[in-house]
Every structure is written in structure tokens, then in C-alpha cells.
Amino acid sequence: MARIAGIDLPKNKKIGIALTYLYGVGRSLAKVILEKAQVSPDKRSYELSDDEIKRIRETIEQEGIKIEGDLKREVTMNIKRLIELNTYRGLRHKRGLPVRGQRTHTNARTRKGPRRGIIRPSASSSTAAPKA
């Protein structure tokens, strides 16, 4: 089984698709990596030789492509920087609201979380005077 950057690539998928399981690698970047490593994108990941896997790893390192932990760390640091600077985007991240200008009057449930129910007064605590 091919293992790159600490991630096991799926066995039966073509290597062009299997590389997209790495955080930070999409279809177009996977294609570029395979071209530079001189590996056919039509090969299945279980068909790869150790030499081909090594070439893919070396290509990722030589090109300076940030994937997995390094990329996640960079994104997290960028968000922390925005929050520290109290930018508008940083405040939106801090409050858990959409960052890129989406409307929030309706929608935005993914960022805002589940709706909070309307608080209604119960029947026992009505404003009517108590009976004597």
C-alpha cells in the first residue's frame, strides 16, 4: 500500500485520484506531481513500484509543496494572526460566523450551529392574578 506524508492512499483508485486524499492536493496539483515524477496517472496505487512512490515523495519535497501538517499549521497560524490583529475577518472567525461576506439573516447554519428555540412563557407563569 502506498504511504505518502503519513497517509495511506486507497488501493484500488487511480494514483491521480488517490493523491487527492492528501490535504492540500487537488486534481490539478496531483496531475502536475505525477508529470514531474514521470508516473502514469492511469496506474492504480497498488500497481506502483517502490521506486515510483519514492519519486512521487521526492517531487513533493523538491517542489516545496506544503501538504498535510505543514499546510494545516500555516492555515491555523493565518487565522490566529487575523484574530490578533482584530481584522473584520478575524472577528468573524472568532464569533463563528461566515467570513466571506455571506448573508446570515437566513442560512449560515453550518457556521452558526443549530437554531436556538424561541423562549415562550409557560402556562403556569401567566400574568393573571392568583386565585384566593
C-alpha atoms as a PDB file:
ATOM      1  CA  MET A   1       0.000   0.000   0.000  1.00  0.00           C
ATOM      2  CA  ALA A   2       1.338   3.431  -0.948  1.00  0.00           C
ATOM      3  CA  ARG A   3       2.000   5.706   2.029  1.00  0.00           C
ATOM      4  CA  ILE A   4       2.853   9.348   1.439  1.00  0.00           C
ATOM      5  CA  ALA A   5       3.145  12.064   4.114  1.00  0.00           C
ATOM      6  CA  GLY A   6       1.778   9.702   6.760  1.00  0.00           C
ATOM      7  CA  ILE A   7      -1.416   8.954   4.817  1.00  0.00           C
ATOM      8  CA  ASP A   8      -2.279   5.549   3.372  1.00  0.00           C
ATOM      9  CA  LEU A   9      -3.522   6.037  -0.161  1.00  0.00           C
ATOM     10  CA  PRO A  10      -6.542   3.917  -1.180  1.00  0.00           C
ATOM     11  CA  LYS A  11      -5.540   0.730  -3.015  1.00  0.00           C
ATOM     12  CA  ASN A  12      -7.940   0.445  -5.940  1.00  0.00           C
ATOM     13  CA  LYS A  13      -8.071   4.082  -7.051  1.00  0.00           C
ATOM     14  CA  LYS A  14      -6.005   5.534  -9.845  1.00  0.00           C
ATOM     15  CA  ILE A  15      -3.000   7.341  -8.434  1.00  0.00           C
ATOM     16  CA  GLY A  16      -4.200  10.665  -9.889  1.00  0.00           C
ATOM     17  CA  ILE A  17      -7.293  10.418  -7.679  1.00  0.00           C
ATOM     18  CA  ALA A  18      -5.579   8.704  -4.732  1.00  0.00           C
ATOM     19  CA  LEU A  19      -3.179  11.637  -4.288  1.00  0.00           C
ATOM     20  CA  THR A  20      -6.165  13.908  -3.623  1.00  0.00           C
ATOM     21  CA  TYR A  21      -6.595  12.111  -0.279  1.00  0.00           C
ATOM     22  CA  LEU A  22      -3.634  14.215   0.887  1.00  0.00           C
ATOM     23  CA  TYR A  23      -4.718  17.514   2.465  1.00  0.00           C
ATOM     24  CA  GLY A  24      -3.749  20.301   0.087  1.00  0.00           C
ATOM     25  CA  VAL A  25      -3.588  18.197  -3.088  1.00  0.00           C
ATOM     26  CA  GLY A  26      -6.363  18.515  -5.641  1.00  0.00           C
ATOM     27  CA  ARG A  27      -6.806  17.010  -9.083  1.00  0.00           C
ATOM     28  CA  SER A  28      -4.698  19.590 -10.933  1.00  0.00           C
ATOM     29  CA  LEU A  29      -1.815  19.523  -8.443  1.00  0.00           C
ATOM     30  CA  ALA A  30      -1.858  15.706  -8.453  1.00  0.00           C
ATOM     31  CA  LYS A  31      -1.529  15.789 -12.240  1.00  0.00           C
ATOM     32  CA  VAL A  32       1.466  18.162 -12.037  1.00  0.00           C
ATOM     33  CA  ILE A  33       3.159  15.997  -9.383  1.00  0.00           C
ATOM     34  CA  LEU A  34       2.716  12.837 -11.460  1.00  0.00           C
ATOM     35  CA  GLU A  35       4.046  14.514 -14.611  1.00  0.00           C
ATOM     36  CA  LYS A  36       7.203  15.673 -12.818  1.00  0.00           C
ATOM     37  CA  ALA A  37       7.634  12.276 -11.147  1.00  0.00           C
ATOM     38  CA  GLN A  38       7.109  10.564 -14.532  1.00  0.00           C
ATOM     39  CA  VAL A  39       4.358   8.283 -13.244  1.00  0.00           C
ATOM     40  CA  SER A  40       1.298   7.403 -15.319  1.00  0.00           C
ATOM     41  CA  PRO A  41      -1.888   8.882 -13.786  1.00  0.00           C
ATOM     42  CA  ASP A  42      -3.822   5.823 -15.008  1.00  0.00           C
ATOM     43  CA  LYS A  43      -1.921   3.378 -12.779  1.00  0.00           C
ATOM     44  CA  ARG A  44      -3.712   2.081  -9.706  1.00  0.00           C
ATOM     45  CA  SER A  45      -1.986   2.816  -6.417  1.00  0.00           C
ATOM     46  CA  TYR A  46      -1.422  -0.867  -5.643  1.00  0.00           C
ATOM     47  CA  GLU A  47       0.408  -1.227  -9.010  1.00  0.00           C
ATOM     48  CA  LEU A  48       3.044   1.368  -8.088  1.00  0.00           C
ATOM     49  CA  SER A  49       6.578   0.172  -7.537  1.00  0.00           C
ATOM     50  CA  ASP A  50       8.635   1.361  -4.568  1.00  0.00           C
ATOM     51  CA  ASP A  51      10.719   3.450  -6.971  1.00  0.00           C
ATOM     52  CA  GLU A  52       7.637   5.288  -8.297  1.00  0.00           C
ATOM     53  CA  ILE A  53       6.372   6.012  -4.781  1.00  0.00           C
ATOM     54  CA  LYS A  54       9.829   7.323  -3.873  1.00  0.00           C
ATOM     55  CA  ARG A  55       9.825   9.605  -6.960  1.00  0.00           C
ATOM     56  CA  ILE A  56       6.407  11.000  -6.001  1.00  0.00           C
ATOM     57  CA  ARG A  57       7.614  11.735  -2.444  1.00  0.00           C
ATOM     58  CA  GLU A  58      10.798  13.385  -3.728  1.00  0.00           C
ATOM     59  CA  THR A  59       8.837  15.506  -6.224  1.00  0.00           C
ATOM     60  CA  ILE A  60       6.580  16.813  -3.453  1.00  0.00           C
ATOM     61  CA  GLU A  61       9.617  17.681  -1.315  1.00  0.00           C
ATOM     62  CA  GLN A  62      11.655  19.247  -4.136  1.00  0.00           C
ATOM     63  CA  GLU A  63       8.803  21.425  -5.389  1.00  0.00           C
ATOM     64  CA  GLY A  64       8.225  22.716  -1.861  1.00  0.00           C
ATOM     65  CA  ILE A  65       4.547  21.757  -1.943  1.00  0.00           C
ATOM     66  CA  LYS A  66       3.008  22.142   1.507  1.00  0.00           C
ATOM     67  CA  ILE A  67       0.675  19.279   2.357  1.00  0.00           C
ATOM     68  CA  GLU A  68      -0.921  17.755   5.449  1.00  0.00           C
ATOM     69  CA  GLY A  69       0.534  19.000   8.770  1.00  0.00           C
ATOM     70  CA  ASP A  70       2.611  21.888   7.407  1.00  0.00           C
ATOM     71  CA  LEU A  71      -0.308  23.301   5.430  1.00  0.00           C
ATOM     72  CA  LYS A  72      -2.797  22.869   8.289  1.00  0.00           C
ATOM     73  CA  ARG A  73      -0.372  24.613  10.637  1.00  0.00           C
ATOM     74  CA  GLU A  74       0.070  27.520   8.196  1.00  0.00           C
ATOM     75  CA  VAL A  75      -3.689  27.975   7.758  1.00  0.00           C
ATOM     76  CA  THR A  76      -4.214  27.915  11.538  1.00  0.00           C
ATOM     77  CA  MET A  77      -1.452  30.495  12.045  1.00  0.00           C
ATOM     78  CA  ASN A  78      -3.002  32.763   9.390  1.00  0.00           C
ATOM     79  CA  ILE A  79      -6.363  32.637  11.169  1.00  0.00           C
ATOM     80  CA  LYS A  80      -4.729  33.342  14.556  1.00  0.00           C
ATOM     81  CA  ARG A  81      -2.908  36.328  13.026  1.00  0.00           C
ATOM     82  CA  LEU A  82      -6.193  37.764  11.704  1.00  0.00           C
ATOM     83  CA  ILE A  83      -7.803  37.319  15.132  1.00  0.00           C
ATOM     84  CA  GLU A  84      -4.863  39.013  16.919  1.00  0.00           C
ATOM     85  CA  LEU A  85      -4.974  41.985  14.554  1.00  0.00           C
ATOM     86  CA  ASN A  86      -8.726  42.340  15.187  1.00  0.00           C
ATOM     87  CA  THR A  87      -9.452  42.488  11.480  1.00  0.00           C
ATOM     88  CA  TYR A  88     -13.032  42.076  10.299  1.00  0.00           C
ATOM     89  CA  ARG A  89     -12.244  38.578   9.047  1.00  0.00           C
ATOM     90  CA  GLY A  90     -10.584  37.753  12.360  1.00  0.00           C
ATOM     91  CA  LEU A  91     -13.660  38.852  14.313  1.00  0.00           C
ATOM     92  CA  ARG A  92     -15.885  36.706  12.083  1.00  0.00           C
ATOM     93  CA  HIS A  93     -13.625  33.689  12.753  1.00  0.00           C
ATOM     94  CA  LYS A  94     -13.702  34.413  16.492  1.00  0.00           C
ATOM     95  CA  ARG A  95     -17.515  34.669  16.577  1.00  0.00           C
ATOM     96  CA  GLY A  96     -18.003  31.588  14.405  1.00  0.00           C
ATOM     97  CA  LEU A  97     -19.812  33.463  11.632  1.00  0.00           C
ATOM     98  CA  PRO A  98     -19.299  33.285   7.849  1.00  0.00           C
ATOM     99  CA  VAL A  99     -16.089  35.039   6.857  1.00  0.00           C
ATOM    100  CA  ARG A 100     -16.517  35.681   3.139  1.00  0.00           C
ATOM    101  CA  GLY A 101     -19.496  38.025   3.043  1.00  0.00           C
ATOM    102  CA  GLN A 102     -22.370  35.547   3.025  1.00  0.00           C
ATOM    103  CA  ARG A 103     -25.735  36.571   4.421  1.00  0.00           C
ATOM    104  CA  THR A 104     -26.603  35.500   7.939  1.00  0.00           C
ATOM    105  CA  HIS A 105     -30.207  36.658   8.376  1.00  0.00           C
ATOM    106  CA  THR A 106     -31.240  33.321   6.920  1.00  0.00           C
ATOM    107  CA  ASN A 107     -28.886  30.420   6.176  1.00  0.00           C
ATOM    108  CA  ALA A 108     -25.309  30.159   7.547  1.00  0.00           C
ATOM    109  CA  ARG A 109     -26.420  27.253   9.753  1.00  0.00           C
ATOM    110  CA  THR A 110     -23.150  25.405   9.187  1.00  0.00           C
ATOM    111  CA  ARG A 111     -21.136  28.165  10.863  1.00  0.00           C
ATOM    112  CA  LYS A 112     -23.745  29.331  13.384  1.00  0.00           C
ATOM    113  CA  GLY A 113     -24.827  25.890  14.574  1.00  0.00           C
ATOM    114  CA  PRO A 114     -28.356  24.636  15.227  1.00  0.00           C
ATOM    115  CA  ARG A 115     -31.141  27.142  15.754  1.00  0.00           C
ATOM    116  CA  ARG A 116     -31.947  28.159  19.283  1.00  0.00           C
ATOM    117  CA  GLY A 117     -35.615  27.706  20.130  1.00  0.00           C
ATOM    118  CA  ILE A 118     -37.891  30.625  20.877  1.00  0.00           C
ATOM    119  CA  ILE A 119     -38.378  31.052  24.608  1.00  0.00           C
ATOM    120  CA  ARG A 120     -42.089  31.133  25.385  1.00  0.00           C
ATOM    121  CA  PRO A 121     -43.621  31.857  28.784  1.00  0.00           C
ATOM    122  CA  SER A 122     -45.117  28.728  30.290  1.00  0.00           C
ATOM    123  CA  ALA A 123     -48.824  28.457  31.184  1.00  0.00           C
ATOM    124  CA  SER A 124     -48.136  28.307  34.944  1.00  0.00           C
ATOM    125  CA  SER A 125     -46.317  31.641  34.990  1.00  0.00           C
ATOM    126  CA  SER A 126     -49.069  33.707  33.400  1.00  0.00           C
ATOM    127  CA  THR A 127     -49.675  37.340  34.304  1.00  0.00           C
ATOM    128  CA  ALA A 128     -53.159  36.676  35.691  1.00  0.00           C
ATOM    129  CA  ALA A 129     -53.740  37.395  39.402  1.00  0.00           C
ATOM    130  CA  PRO A 130     -53.645  34.341  41.651  1.00  0.00           C
ATOM    131  CA  LYS A 131     -56.976  32.973  42.857  1.00  0.00           C
ATOM    132  CA  ALA A 132     -57.744  33.432  46.531  1.00  0.00           C
END
